[in-house]
Amino acid sequence: MALTGVPALTSSAWAATLKDGRWCNPARGRFPAGGHYGAPRGPYPHAGQDVTNSTGTAVYAAAAGTVVRRGTGVLSGRTGNGLVIAHGGGRYTYYGHLSAFRIPLNAKVAAGQRIADMGATGHVTGPHLHFETHSGGLGATVNPVSYLAARGVDLGGGWPAISPGAVGATVKAVQYLITRRGTTLVADGTYGSVSVNAVKKFQSSRGLVADGQVGPKTWPSLVYSLQRGSSGAHVRALQVALNKHSAGLAVDGDFGAVTNSAVRAYQAVNRLVVDGQAGPKSWEALVG
C-alpha cells in the first residue's frame, strides 16, 4: 500500500541506531500466560503480544503514522474492535480488543497520542490489548516484544533507551532535565552532539557508563519527583512528556492546578496510583 504524508521511521540520517525516540509503549499492563507471540491459537500461531489491564486503560500510537483501518474485524481473527496504523516503509501496528476509539479513520497520529481504550471486544477471557507489529507489509508480523526492544522500548513497561541521533518529545524532556541538572540546553528535540556531551558529563558525575545513551540506568538518576508547587525546567520536561500523551499543556514550567489535573488524569487512565505526584513510576510510564 503506497502512503503519502507518513514519516519514514528510518533514514540515512538515523541509520546508526534504531533507538531513535520514534517508538513508544502502546499500553501499560502485564503479559498474561499464553499471550505471547507465536503461542498456539488453533491452526495459526498468535500474531501479537497481549498486554492485560482494566477496560478503559489508555492505548497509545506506538509510532507516528496514519490510521488506515478502523472498526470490527479489520484483520482476520477474533480480536474485536481494532485499529491499524501505517508508519511508512511497509511498517504497520495493530491494536485489538478495543472498547473505544479515540481517533477517526484516516487520522494522522503522533507517537504516544492516545488512540483508543483497552477492552474485551471479540473473543477474550478478560480485557487486554492485542498488539501486533508488521514489517515488510501488512500481514508480515514480527515479534512485538523484540521489535520494540530493538527500538529502545520495553513493551513490558520499563524505562526506554534513547541513543544519540534520536528526535522527538522524549528528547526534549531529556534536554529540560539536563538543564535542571545544571547544563543549559536548547530543547529542540534533536539529540545531537551538544546534548549527548551534556548527558555524558551527567553520567560521569553519577558514576554511570558515559555512553550518551539515556537508558534504564540513567533515567532514574535524571528524573525528579515533582508535585504541585514545583517549578522549573524539570516541570517543563514533565509537561512535554504529558503532552506526548495528549495532555495539551502549556510548557511553562509551573506545576499548578492544570498540570496537577493532567498528571492525575494520566495516572488514572494508566492504572497508576492517582496522587498527582510525578514520581519514578509515573515518569517511567510517561517516557516509555
Protein backbone atom coordinates (compact mmCIF):
# COMPACT_ATOMS: atom_id res chain seq x y z
CA MET A 1 0.00 0.00 0.00
CA ALA A 2 1.56 3.32 -1.02
CA LEU A 3 1.16 6.08 1.53
CA THR A 4 1.83 9.79 1.42
CA GLY A 5 2.31 12.11 4.35
CA VAL A 6 3.59 9.35 6.64
CA PRO A 7 7.06 9.99 8.09
CA ALA A 8 9.55 7.24 7.41
CA LEU A 9 10.84 5.70 10.61
CA THR A 10 14.32 5.07 9.36
CA SER A 11 16.56 7.14 7.10
CA SER A 12 20.23 7.52 6.32
CA ALA A 13 20.44 10.32 8.90
CA TRP A 14 19.48 7.93 11.70
CA ALA A 15 20.94 4.71 10.34
CA ALA A 16 23.35 4.37 13.27
CA THR A 17 20.62 3.44 15.74
CA LEU A 18 17.04 2.24 15.92
CA LYS A 19 16.74 3.64 19.46
CA ASP A 20 15.84 6.97 17.94
CA GLY A 21 12.88 8.08 20.06
CA ARG A 22 10.32 7.46 17.33
CA TRP A 23 8.64 4.49 19.06
CA CYS A 24 6.93 4.20 22.44
CA ASN A 25 4.94 1.79 24.58
CA PRO A 26 1.33 1.41 23.36
CA ALA A 27 -0.15 0.43 26.74
CA ARG A 28 0.70 -0.40 30.33
CA GLY A 29 -0.10 -3.77 31.83
CA ARG A 30 1.23 -7.27 32.31
CA PHE A 31 1.88 -10.12 29.92
CA PRO A 32 -0.68 -12.91 30.52
CA ALA A 33 0.29 -16.57 30.32
CA GLY A 34 -0.07 -17.81 26.76
CA GLY A 35 -0.44 -14.31 25.31
CA HIS A 36 2.99 -14.19 23.71
CA TYR A 37 3.85 -14.01 20.03
CA GLY A 38 3.75 -17.44 18.43
CA ALA A 39 1.61 -19.07 21.13
CA PRO A 40 -0.75 -21.81 19.82
CA ARG A 41 -4.08 -20.41 18.54
CA GLY A 42 -5.86 -23.20 16.72
CA PRO A 43 -4.43 -23.66 13.23
CA TYR A 44 -2.41 -20.41 13.38
CA PRO A 45 0.09 -19.09 15.94
CA HIS A 46 -0.70 -15.97 17.99
CA ALA A 47 0.25 -12.99 15.82
CA GLY A 48 0.87 -10.45 18.58
CA GLN A 49 1.59 -9.80 22.24
CA ASP A 50 -1.22 -9.43 24.76
CA VAL A 51 -1.00 -6.72 27.42
CA THR A 52 -3.54 -7.16 30.22
CA ASN A 53 -5.09 -4.32 32.20
CA SER A 54 -8.54 -2.94 33.01
CA THR A 55 -11.14 -1.89 30.46
CA GLY A 56 -10.62 1.78 29.72
CA THR A 57 -6.84 1.73 30.14
CA ALA A 58 -5.33 4.15 27.61
CA VAL A 59 -3.92 2.83 24.33
CA TYR A 60 -1.37 4.98 22.51
CA ALA A 61 0.08 5.03 18.99
CA ALA A 62 3.38 3.16 19.11
CA ALA A 63 4.78 5.45 16.41
CA ALA A 64 3.66 8.27 14.13
CA GLY A 65 1.53 7.31 11.17
CA THR A 66 -1.92 7.20 9.58
CA VAL A 67 -4.96 5.19 10.67
CA VAL A 68 -5.71 3.03 7.64
CA ARG A 69 -8.24 0.61 9.16
CA ARG A 70 -10.71 1.10 12.00
CA GLY A 71 -13.67 -0.99 13.09
CA THR A 72 -14.60 -4.58 13.84
CA GLY A 73 -12.80 -7.46 12.15
CA VAL A 74 -10.35 -5.18 10.31
CA LEU A 75 -7.82 -8.03 10.36
CA SER A 76 -8.67 -11.69 10.17
CA GLY A 77 -9.03 -13.27 13.59
CA ARG A 78 -11.12 -12.81 16.70
CA THR A 79 -9.80 -9.57 18.14
CA GLY A 80 -12.99 -7.49 18.02
CA ASN A 81 -12.69 -3.73 17.60
CA GLY A 82 -9.33 -2.80 16.15
CA LEU A 83 -7.13 -0.16 14.54
CA VAL A 84 -4.32 -0.44 12.01
CA ILE A 85 -1.75 2.36 11.80
CA ALA A 86 0.58 2.61 8.80
CA HIS A 87 4.01 4.01 9.64
CA GLY A 88 5.58 4.05 6.20
CA GLY A 89 8.21 1.76 4.74
CA GLY A 90 5.95 -1.30 4.99
CA ARG A 91 5.56 -0.95 8.76
CA TYR A 92 2.19 -1.28 10.49
CA THR A 93 0.88 -1.73 14.02
CA TYR A 94 -2.42 -3.30 15.02
CA TYR A 95 -4.40 -2.74 18.23
CA GLY A 96 -7.21 -5.18 19.03
CA HIS A 97 -9.98 -5.87 21.59
CA LEU A 98 -10.61 -2.12 21.98
CA SER A 99 -13.55 -0.80 23.98
CA ALA A 100 -13.49 2.68 22.43
CA PHE A 101 -11.84 4.58 19.59
CA ARG A 102 -10.25 7.97 20.21
CA ILE A 103 -9.35 8.88 16.62
CA PRO A 104 -11.13 8.54 13.26
CA LEU A 105 -10.20 6.58 10.16
CA ASN A 106 -7.51 8.34 8.08
CA ALA A 107 -6.33 10.39 11.05
CA LYS A 108 -2.64 11.22 11.21
CA VAL A 109 -1.31 10.44 14.68
CA ALA A 110 1.87 11.18 16.59
CA ALA A 111 3.88 8.69 18.62
CA GLY A 112 2.32 8.48 22.06
CA GLN A 113 -1.01 10.02 21.05
CA ARG A 114 -3.99 8.38 22.71
CA ILE A 115 -5.86 6.44 20.04
CA ALA A 116 -8.18 4.06 21.90
CA ASP A 117 -9.16 2.38 25.16
CA MET A 118 -8.34 -1.18 26.15
CA GLY A 119 -11.30 -3.52 26.23
CA ALA A 120 -12.71 -7.02 25.84
CA THR A 121 -14.39 -6.99 22.43
CA GLY A 122 -14.10 -10.09 20.31
CA HIS A 123 -13.22 -13.49 21.78
CA VAL A 124 -11.46 -12.90 25.12
CA THR A 125 -11.29 -14.19 28.66
CA GLY A 126 -10.77 -10.68 30.02
CA PRO A 127 -9.82 -7.14 28.98
CA HIS A 128 -6.46 -6.66 27.31
CA LEU A 129 -4.72 -5.13 24.31
CA HIS A 130 -3.75 -7.44 21.46
CA PHE A 131 -0.78 -5.64 19.87
CA GLU A 132 0.87 -6.59 16.59
CA THR A 133 3.85 -5.25 14.64
CA HIS A 134 4.08 -5.83 10.88
CA SER A 135 7.32 -5.25 8.97
CA GLY A 136 7.57 -5.74 5.21
CA GLY A 137 3.86 -5.24 4.56
CA LEU A 138 0.54 -5.70 6.30
CA GLY A 139 0.33 -9.36 7.29
CA ALA A 140 4.08 -9.84 7.75
CA THR A 141 4.00 -9.99 11.55
CA VAL A 142 7.11 -9.95 13.73
CA ASN A 143 7.53 -10.40 17.49
CA PRO A 144 6.36 -7.10 19.04
CA VAL A 145 8.49 -7.51 22.17
CA SER A 146 11.79 -7.89 20.32
CA TYR A 147 10.78 -5.42 17.60
CA LEU A 148 10.15 -2.67 20.15
CA ALA A 149 13.15 -3.65 22.26
CA ALA A 150 15.39 -3.06 19.25
CA ARG A 151 13.88 0.43 19.12
CA GLY A 152 14.53 1.16 22.78
CA VAL A 153 11.03 0.37 24.07
CA ASP A 154 10.22 -2.15 26.81
CA LEU A 155 6.74 -3.43 25.97
CA GLY A 156 6.67 -4.88 29.47
CA GLY A 157 6.68 -1.34 30.86
CA GLY A 158 10.29 -0.47 31.78
CA TRP A 159 12.45 2.58 31.09
CA PRO A 160 13.23 3.25 27.41
CA ALA A 161 16.62 3.68 25.74
CA ILE A 162 17.35 6.82 23.72
CA SER A 163 20.55 6.89 21.67
CA PRO A 164 22.49 9.73 20.03
CA GLY A 165 20.66 10.85 16.88
CA ALA A 166 17.21 10.46 18.46
CA VAL A 167 14.48 13.03 17.90
CA GLY A 168 11.13 13.99 19.39
CA ALA A 169 9.32 14.84 22.60
CA THR A 170 11.25 12.41 24.79
CA VAL A 171 14.49 14.09 23.69
CA LYS A 172 13.02 17.47 24.66
CA ALA A 173 12.23 16.04 28.10
CA VAL A 174 15.86 14.88 28.44
CA GLN A 175 17.11 18.32 27.43
CA TYR A 176 14.92 20.05 30.02
CA LEU A 177 16.02 17.58 32.72
CA ILE A 178 19.69 18.12 31.90
CA THR A 179 19.10 21.88 32.03
CA ARG A 180 17.71 21.44 35.53
CA ARG A 181 20.83 19.44 36.38
CA GLY A 182 22.98 22.46 35.61
CA THR A 183 23.84 22.43 31.89
CA THR A 184 21.55 24.65 29.83
CA LEU A 185 20.44 23.05 26.57
CA VAL A 186 18.16 24.22 23.80
CA ALA A 187 15.09 21.99 24.00
CA ASP A 188 14.81 21.42 20.26
CA GLY A 189 14.05 17.69 20.38
CA THR A 190 17.21 16.73 18.50
CA TYR A 191 19.71 14.60 20.39
CA GLY A 192 22.84 15.98 18.78
CA SER A 193 26.44 16.31 19.94
CA VAL A 194 25.89 19.14 22.42
CA SER A 195 23.10 17.31 24.23
CA VAL A 196 24.95 13.99 24.05
CA ASN A 197 28.06 15.51 25.62
CA ALA A 198 25.95 17.06 28.39
CA VAL A 199 24.40 13.65 29.12
CA LYS A 200 27.83 12.02 29.15
CA LYS A 201 29.02 14.61 31.66
CA PHE A 202 25.98 13.91 33.83
CA GLN A 203 26.52 10.16 33.59
CA SER A 204 30.15 10.54 34.66
CA SER A 205 29.12 12.65 37.64
CA ARG A 206 26.80 9.83 38.79
CA GLY A 207 29.28 7.00 38.25
CA LEU A 208 27.34 5.68 35.25
CA VAL A 209 28.74 4.44 31.96
CA ALA A 210 29.24 7.65 29.97
CA ASP A 211 27.94 6.37 26.64
CA GLY A 212 25.42 9.13 25.97
CA GLN A 213 22.52 6.67 25.83
CA VAL A 214 19.66 7.61 28.13
CA GLY A 215 18.56 4.17 29.23
CA PRO A 216 17.33 2.24 32.30
CA LYS A 217 20.43 3.13 34.33
CA THR A 218 20.37 6.86 33.52
CA TRP A 219 16.66 7.71 33.69
CA PRO A 220 16.18 7.04 37.44
CA SER A 221 19.06 9.41 38.24
CA LEU A 222 17.88 12.04 35.77
CA VAL A 223 14.22 12.49 36.72
CA TYR A 224 12.81 14.32 39.73
CA SER A 225 9.84 13.56 41.95
CA LEU A 226 7.53 16.50 41.34
CA GLN A 227 4.29 17.73 42.82
CA ARG A 228 2.03 20.75 42.81
CA GLY A 229 4.05 23.88 43.58
CA SER A 230 7.20 22.68 41.81
CA SER A 231 8.59 24.94 39.11
CA GLY A 232 11.46 24.98 36.66
CA ALA A 233 12.92 23.12 33.70
CA HIS A 234 12.16 19.71 35.25
CA VAL A 235 8.46 20.63 35.24
CA ARG A 236 8.77 21.61 31.59
CA ALA A 237 10.17 18.11 30.98
CA LEU A 238 7.14 16.64 32.70
CA GLN A 239 4.74 18.80 30.70
CA VAL A 240 6.41 17.80 27.42
CA ALA A 241 6.09 14.12 28.36
CA LEU A 242 2.42 14.59 29.28
CA ASN A 243 1.78 16.41 26.00
CA LYS A 244 3.23 13.46 24.10
CA HIS A 245 0.28 11.55 25.54
CA SER A 246 -2.35 14.12 24.50
CA ALA A 247 -2.43 16.36 27.62
CA GLY A 248 -2.35 19.68 25.70
CA LEU A 249 -0.50 21.65 28.38
CA ALA A 250 1.33 24.95 28.12
CA VAL A 251 5.01 24.12 28.67
CA ASP A 252 5.56 26.89 31.21
CA GLY A 253 7.44 25.08 33.99
CA ASP A 254 4.66 25.72 36.52
CA PHE A 255 3.22 22.67 38.30
CA GLY A 256 -0.09 24.32 39.07
CA ALA A 257 -3.69 23.16 39.06
CA VAL A 258 -3.80 22.37 35.33
CA THR A 259 -0.65 20.26 35.33
CA ASN A 260 -1.79 18.57 38.53
CA SER A 261 -5.06 17.61 36.85
CA ALA A 262 -3.17 16.31 33.82
CA VAL A 263 -0.90 14.15 35.99
CA ARG A 264 -3.88 12.70 37.83
CA ALA A 265 -5.75 12.02 34.60
CA TYR A 266 -2.72 10.27 33.11
CA GLN A 267 -2.24 8.19 36.24
CA ALA A 268 -5.91 7.20 36.24
CA VAL A 269 -6.08 6.00 32.63
CA ASN A 270 -2.80 4.09 33.01
CA ARG A 271 -3.83 2.41 36.29
CA LEU A 272 -1.13 4.10 38.37
CA VAL A 273 -1.60 5.42 41.90
CA VAL A 274 -3.59 8.64 41.43
CA ASP A 275 -1.81 11.01 43.81
CA GLY A 276 -0.88 13.88 41.49
CA GLN A 277 2.81 13.32 42.19
CA ALA A 278 5.16 12.64 39.30
CA GLY A 279 7.37 10.01 40.90
CA PRO A 280 9.53 7.30 39.30
CA LYS A 281 6.59 5.07 38.30
CA SER A 282 4.78 7.91 36.54
CA TRP A 283 7.98 9.06 34.82
CA GLU A 284 8.76 5.53 33.67
CA ALA A 285 5.33 5.26 32.08
CA LEU A 286 5.45 8.72 30.51
CA VAL A 287 8.85 8.43 28.83
CA GLY A 288 8.43 4.75 27.96
